[in-house]
Protein backbone atom coordinates (compact mmCIF):
# COMPACT_ATOMS: atom_id res chain seq x y z
CA MET A 1 17.66 -10.34 -17.02
CA THR A 2 18.75 -10.80 -20.52
CA ILE A 3 16.73 -12.80 -23.08
CA ARG A 4 19.02 -14.61 -25.74
CA HIS A 5 18.46 -17.00 -28.51
CA VAL A 6 19.49 -20.66 -28.22
CA SER A 7 23.05 -21.07 -29.41
CA GLY A 8 23.23 -22.65 -32.83
CA THR A 9 19.52 -22.29 -33.72
CA GLY A 10 18.86 -18.60 -33.76
CA GLN A 11 15.37 -19.40 -32.16
CA PHE A 12 14.21 -18.44 -28.67
CA VAL A 13 12.57 -20.61 -26.00
CA SER A 14 8.97 -19.38 -26.43
CA GLY A 15 6.61 -19.06 -23.55
CA GLU A 16 5.45 -16.86 -20.67
CA TYR A 17 8.07 -15.89 -18.05
CA HIS A 18 7.53 -14.07 -14.77
CA PHE A 19 10.14 -12.00 -12.94
CA TRP A 20 9.93 -12.00 -9.18
CA VAL A 21 12.31 -10.56 -6.50
CA GLN A 22 12.09 -12.09 -3.03
CA ASN A 23 13.19 -10.10 -0.03
CA VAL A 24 15.04 -12.91 1.79
CA SER A 25 16.25 -10.63 4.64
CA HIS A 26 12.51 -9.95 5.43
CA SER A 27 11.37 -13.42 4.85
CA ASN A 28 13.96 -15.04 7.23
CA GLY A 29 13.02 -12.70 10.20
CA THR A 30 16.02 -10.40 10.00
CA GLY A 31 13.84 -7.29 9.57
CA GLY A 32 15.09 -5.85 6.28
CA SER A 33 12.37 -4.52 3.91
CA PHE A 34 12.14 -3.39 0.36
CA GLU A 35 11.57 0.21 1.61
CA ALA A 36 15.20 0.32 2.45
CA THR A 37 16.41 -0.40 -0.96
CA ASN A 38 16.75 1.39 -4.32
CA ALA A 39 16.37 -1.85 -6.32
CA HIS A 40 15.65 -1.87 -10.05
CA VAL A 41 15.25 -4.57 -12.72
CA ALA A 42 16.38 -4.17 -16.25
CA VAL A 43 15.08 -6.44 -19.12
CA GLY A 44 17.22 -6.70 -22.14
CA GLN A 45 17.35 -8.64 -25.29
CA ASP A 46 20.76 -9.15 -26.70
CA ASP A 47 22.43 -5.71 -26.30
CA GLN A 48 19.19 -3.84 -26.20
CA GLN A 49 17.43 -2.65 -23.00
CA LEU A 50 13.75 -3.31 -23.33
CA ALA A 51 12.60 -1.88 -19.99
CA SER A 52 13.75 -0.79 -16.46
CA PHE A 53 11.54 -1.07 -13.47
CA SER A 54 12.18 0.65 -10.05
CA ILE A 55 10.96 -0.78 -6.83
CA ARG A 56 9.78 2.76 -5.83
CA ASP A 57 7.00 2.44 -8.47
CA ALA A 58 5.54 -0.85 -7.19
CA SER A 59 2.19 -0.87 -5.55
CA GLU A 60 1.04 -2.35 -2.22
CA PRO A 61 2.87 -2.24 0.97
CA PRO A 62 6.67 -2.60 0.49
CA SER A 63 6.73 -4.57 3.78
CA ARG A 64 5.63 -7.65 1.85
CA ASP A 65 8.19 -10.33 0.92
CA ILE A 66 7.89 -10.58 -2.78
CA TRP A 67 8.11 -7.93 -5.55
CA TYR A 68 6.42 -9.29 -8.71
CA VAL A 69 8.03 -7.13 -11.37
CA VAL A 70 7.02 -8.16 -14.86
CA LYS A 71 5.37 -10.96 -17.03
CA ILE A 72 7.36 -11.56 -20.21
CA LEU A 73 5.76 -13.29 -23.32
CA ILE A 74 8.29 -14.32 -25.98
CA ASP A 75 7.80 -16.31 -29.18
CA SER A 76 10.47 -18.29 -30.97
CA ASP A 77 11.51 -15.57 -33.33
CA GLY A 78 12.37 -13.44 -30.24
CA ASN A 79 9.39 -11.09 -30.29
CA VAL A 80 8.79 -9.94 -26.80
CA MET A 81 5.91 -8.44 -25.05
CA LEU A 82 6.11 -7.08 -21.57
CA THR A 83 3.28 -6.65 -19.21
CA THR A 84 4.25 -4.52 -16.28
CA VAL A 85 2.92 -5.84 -12.83
CA GLN A 86 5.03 -3.96 -10.16
CA GLN A 87 3.37 -5.10 -7.05
CA PHE A 88 4.37 -6.50 -3.82
CA GLU A 89 2.90 -9.83 -2.58
CA ASP A 90 3.06 -11.94 0.60
CA GLY A 91 5.41 -14.98 0.59
CA SER A 92 8.03 -16.72 2.56
CA PRO A 93 11.36 -18.65 1.68
CA SER A 94 9.13 -21.76 0.71
CA THR A 95 6.74 -19.81 -1.59
CA ILE A 96 6.75 -21.57 -4.98
CA LEU A 97 6.47 -18.95 -7.73
């Protein structure tokens, strides 16, 4: 995930963003689980990495369908505040996040 400014304005789209990963292979009944992966998420701004999150550090049972990684708060000047969530949650392909 890379956070960039709006082309031509130098401003960022301010707001609260949530980064989720859905395990589609588990949700659709094919049996895959997060336990079998070594997934990670990197959050960057322009050319700088702000944080990296490993699925191995998430709480709750990895047999759940959704990995809620991080909440990102950004203002129009590009100031970023990350709130680590790192937990698994129940869900399905029709879950609205």
